[in-house]
Amino acid sequence: MHSYERAGKPREKAIAHAYHLREQARGIPVRNRPGDERKNAYSKVAEAFLASAQEATILRERSEYYRIAAEAFVVLEDHAQAAKAFENASKFTEAAQHYRHAGMFDETVSVIKNHEDAMDPTVADKLTDVARYYYLQQEDLKSVLSPSSLYYLLHWFLGKHRFCSLALKNSWNSPEIVTST
């Protein structure tokens, strides 16, 4: 780090310092106490890599620094910050997952809608189902009701694999339950 400082390269010095902080944080044992030294160390790591990402001029470097910052936020259990950093790193699957962990369902859906083709389709489908379920619980039907959501809504109310219908056989007094899959 000192050589970068002597060479007049403050950006490179900051990056080297960020990596140094990460190595120090990794060496701290895990403790279950709030406000412990490990959390403080990872907080510094996240801040240092966010600053490095903002200064980076090469896209690949910027994405890498945002990803490392996001991983530090995951250790800190700050899922909202982790999601934002993963999104800036173009890690959209991870971003959507952490928005969901943070309870930020509007952001989860936004990431899925805008970057679905760059995401793991299985994860995107599951997160979409979770968001729909959340919106149904909140009785926020305008967030749920779209043409593709109507199908989901019917399945949610009627059951995912089976539905029952009442078929009248010959007379009104002898109903027969018909199930189909």
Protein backbone atom coordinates (compact mmCIF):
# COMPACT_ATOMS: atom_id res chain seq x y z
CA MET A 1 0.00 0.00 0.00
CA HIS A 2 2.82 2.37 0.80
CA SER A 3 4.33 1.90 -2.63
CA TYR A 4 1.07 3.03 -4.25
CA GLU A 5 1.06 6.07 -2.01
CA ARG A 6 4.66 6.95 -2.95
CA ALA A 7 3.81 6.42 -6.63
CA GLY A 8 0.91 8.86 -6.37
CA LYS A 9 -1.75 6.24 -7.08
CA PRO A 10 -4.48 6.83 -4.49
CA ARG A 11 -7.07 4.64 -6.22
CA GLU A 12 -4.76 1.62 -6.25
CA LYS A 13 -3.84 2.31 -2.62
CA ALA A 14 -7.51 2.35 -1.66
CA ILE A 15 -8.11 -0.96 -3.47
CA ALA A 16 -5.13 -2.60 -1.78
CA HIS A 17 -6.36 -1.29 1.57
CA ALA A 18 -9.84 -2.72 0.90
CA TYR A 19 -8.38 -6.17 0.18
CA HIS A 20 -6.23 -5.87 3.32
CA LEU A 21 -9.32 -5.07 5.39
CA ARG A 22 -11.11 -8.09 3.94
CA GLU A 23 -8.25 -10.40 4.86
CA GLN A 24 -8.24 -9.02 8.40
CA ALA A 25 -12.02 -9.46 8.69
CA ARG A 26 -11.79 -13.05 7.47
CA GLY A 27 -9.29 -13.79 10.24
CA ILE A 28 -11.63 -12.71 13.04
CA PRO A 29 -13.46 -15.64 14.67
CA VAL A 30 -17.25 -15.74 14.54
CA ARG A 31 -18.95 -14.65 17.76
CA ASN A 32 -22.61 -14.39 18.53
CA ARG A 33 -22.36 -11.04 20.31
CA PRO A 34 -23.97 -8.00 18.75
CA GLY A 35 -21.57 -5.17 17.88
CA ASP A 36 -18.56 -7.43 17.92
CA GLU A 37 -15.25 -6.74 16.25
CA ARG A 38 -16.05 -8.97 13.26
CA LYS A 39 -19.13 -6.94 12.31
CA ASN A 40 -17.16 -3.72 12.59
CA ALA A 41 -14.44 -5.17 10.38
CA TYR A 42 -16.90 -6.30 7.70
CA SER A 43 -18.61 -2.93 7.82
CA LYS A 44 -15.26 -1.31 6.97
CA VAL A 45 -14.75 -3.88 4.20
CA ALA A 46 -18.14 -3.07 2.66
CA GLU A 47 -17.51 0.68 2.81
CA ALA A 48 -14.02 0.34 1.32
CA PHE A 49 -15.19 -1.81 -1.59
CA LEU A 50 -18.18 0.44 -2.28
CA ALA A 51 -15.81 3.41 -2.47
CA SER A 52 -13.46 1.44 -4.75
CA ALA A 53 -16.37 0.44 -7.00
CA GLN A 54 -17.45 4.06 -7.38
CA GLU A 55 -13.90 5.04 -8.36
CA ALA A 56 -13.35 2.13 -10.76
CA THR A 57 -13.18 2.98 -14.43
CA ILE A 58 -13.18 -0.58 -15.78
CA LEU A 59 -16.60 -2.25 -15.74
CA ARG A 60 -15.27 -5.67 -14.76
CA GLU A 61 -13.41 -4.19 -11.77
CA ARG A 62 -16.46 -2.18 -10.71
CA SER A 63 -18.63 -5.29 -10.78
CA GLU A 64 -16.07 -7.25 -8.78
CA TYR A 65 -15.83 -4.56 -6.07
CA TYR A 66 -19.61 -4.32 -5.80
CA ARG A 67 -19.80 -8.12 -5.50
CA ILE A 68 -17.23 -8.17 -2.69
CA ALA A 69 -19.07 -5.34 -0.92
CA ALA A 70 -22.30 -7.33 -1.26
CA GLU A 71 -20.70 -10.39 0.30
CA ALA A 72 -19.58 -8.23 3.24
CA PHE A 73 -23.15 -6.98 3.65
CA VAL A 74 -24.34 -10.60 3.65
CA VAL A 75 -22.01 -11.34 6.57
CA LEU A 76 -23.47 -8.27 8.29
CA GLU A 77 -26.97 -9.60 7.51
CA ASP A 78 -27.82 -6.29 5.84
CA HIS A 79 -29.82 -7.82 3.02
CA ALA A 80 -31.05 -4.51 1.59
CA GLN A 81 -27.51 -3.21 1.11
CA ALA A 82 -26.34 -6.61 -0.14
CA ALA A 83 -29.12 -6.63 -2.73
CA LYS A 84 -28.25 -3.15 -3.99
CA ALA A 85 -24.58 -4.06 -4.27
CA PHE A 86 -25.36 -7.36 -6.04
CA GLU A 87 -27.61 -5.47 -8.45
CA ASN A 88 -24.80 -2.99 -9.17
CA ALA A 89 -22.52 -5.98 -9.77
CA SER A 90 -25.04 -7.38 -12.29
CA LYS A 91 -25.59 -10.42 -10.06
CA PHE A 92 -29.34 -10.28 -10.49
CA THR A 93 -30.27 -13.67 -9.04
CA GLU A 94 -28.46 -12.82 -5.80
CA ALA A 95 -29.91 -9.29 -5.83
CA ALA A 96 -33.48 -10.56 -6.07
CA GLN A 97 -32.87 -13.15 -3.35
CA HIS A 98 -31.54 -10.54 -0.93
CA TYR A 99 -34.29 -8.05 -1.72
CA ARG A 100 -36.69 -10.84 -0.80
CA HIS A 101 -34.80 -11.53 2.46
CA ALA A 102 -35.05 -7.81 3.25
CA GLY A 103 -38.81 -7.93 2.65
CA MET A 104 -38.48 -5.55 -0.31
CA PHE A 105 -40.90 -7.30 -2.65
CA ASP A 106 -41.38 -4.38 -5.05
CA GLU A 107 -37.63 -4.36 -5.67
CA THR A 108 -37.58 -8.16 -5.97
CA VAL A 109 -40.23 -8.04 -8.68
CA SER A 110 -38.51 -5.12 -10.42
CA VAL A 111 -35.22 -7.03 -10.69
CA ILE A 112 -37.02 -10.10 -12.01
CA LYS A 113 -38.99 -8.10 -14.59
CA ASN A 114 -35.95 -6.15 -15.80
CA HIS A 115 -33.34 -8.92 -15.76
CA GLU A 116 -35.20 -12.24 -15.92
CA ASP A 117 -33.15 -13.48 -18.88
CA ALA A 118 -29.92 -12.94 -16.88
CA MET A 119 -31.23 -14.84 -13.84
CA ASP A 120 -31.50 -18.46 -12.81
CA PRO A 121 -35.03 -19.28 -14.07
CA THR A 122 -35.83 -21.61 -11.17
CA VAL A 123 -34.97 -18.91 -8.62
CA ALA A 124 -36.86 -16.25 -10.58
CA ASP A 125 -39.98 -18.45 -10.68
CA LYS A 126 -39.81 -19.21 -6.96
CA LEU A 127 -39.27 -15.57 -6.04
CA THR A 128 -42.17 -14.56 -8.27
CA ASP A 129 -44.41 -17.05 -6.47
CA VAL A 130 -43.25 -15.77 -3.08
CA ALA A 131 -43.93 -12.17 -4.12
CA ARG A 132 -47.39 -13.07 -5.40
CA TYR A 133 -48.18 -14.86 -2.17
CA TYR A 134 -46.94 -11.83 -0.19
CA TYR A 135 -49.11 -9.44 -2.22
CA LEU A 136 -52.14 -11.72 -1.78
CA GLN A 137 -51.59 -11.77 1.98
CA GLN A 138 -51.40 -7.96 1.96
CA GLU A 139 -54.57 -7.88 -0.16
CA ASP A 140 -52.67 -5.85 -2.74
CA LEU A 141 -54.47 -7.30 -5.72
CA LYS A 142 -53.30 -4.69 -8.22
CA SER A 143 -49.74 -5.98 -7.73
CA VAL A 144 -50.92 -9.53 -8.31
CA LEU A 145 -53.56 -9.25 -11.01
CA SER A 146 -52.02 -9.33 -14.44
CA PRO A 147 -52.98 -11.69 -17.24
CA SER A 148 -50.29 -14.17 -16.26
CA SER A 149 -51.18 -13.81 -12.59
CA LEU A 150 -54.81 -14.76 -13.02
CA TYR A 151 -53.74 -18.32 -13.73
CA TYR A 152 -51.63 -18.30 -10.56
CA LEU A 153 -54.46 -16.81 -8.54
CA LEU A 154 -56.85 -19.56 -9.60
CA HIS A 155 -54.33 -22.22 -8.71
CA TRP A 156 -53.62 -20.56 -5.38
CA PHE A 157 -57.27 -20.58 -4.40
CA LEU A 158 -58.11 -23.97 -5.85
CA GLY A 159 -54.92 -25.82 -4.99
CA LYS A 160 -51.83 -26.30 -7.06
CA HIS A 161 -52.28 -29.85 -8.30
CA ARG A 162 -55.95 -30.65 -7.87
CA PHE A 163 -59.25 -28.89 -8.03
CA CYS A 164 -62.70 -30.12 -7.27
CA SER A 165 -65.83 -29.42 -9.14
CA LEU A 166 -69.33 -30.37 -8.35
CA ALA A 167 -70.89 -32.35 -11.15
CA LEU A 168 -74.54 -33.10 -11.03
CA LYS A 169 -75.37 -36.57 -12.12
CA ASN A 170 -78.91 -37.14 -13.39
CA SER A 171 -80.57 -35.13 -10.62
CA TRP A 172 -79.91 -32.29 -8.18
CA ASN A 173 -79.91 -34.67 -5.24
CA SER A 174 -76.93 -36.83 -6.18
CA PRO A 175 -73.85 -34.73 -6.52
CA GLU A 176 -70.59 -36.43 -7.43
CA ILE A 177 -67.20 -34.95 -6.65
CA VAL A 178 -64.94 -35.09 -9.67
CA THR A 179 -61.25 -34.46 -9.25
CA SER A 180 -58.79 -33.82 -11.96
CA THR A 181 -55.07 -33.19 -12.06
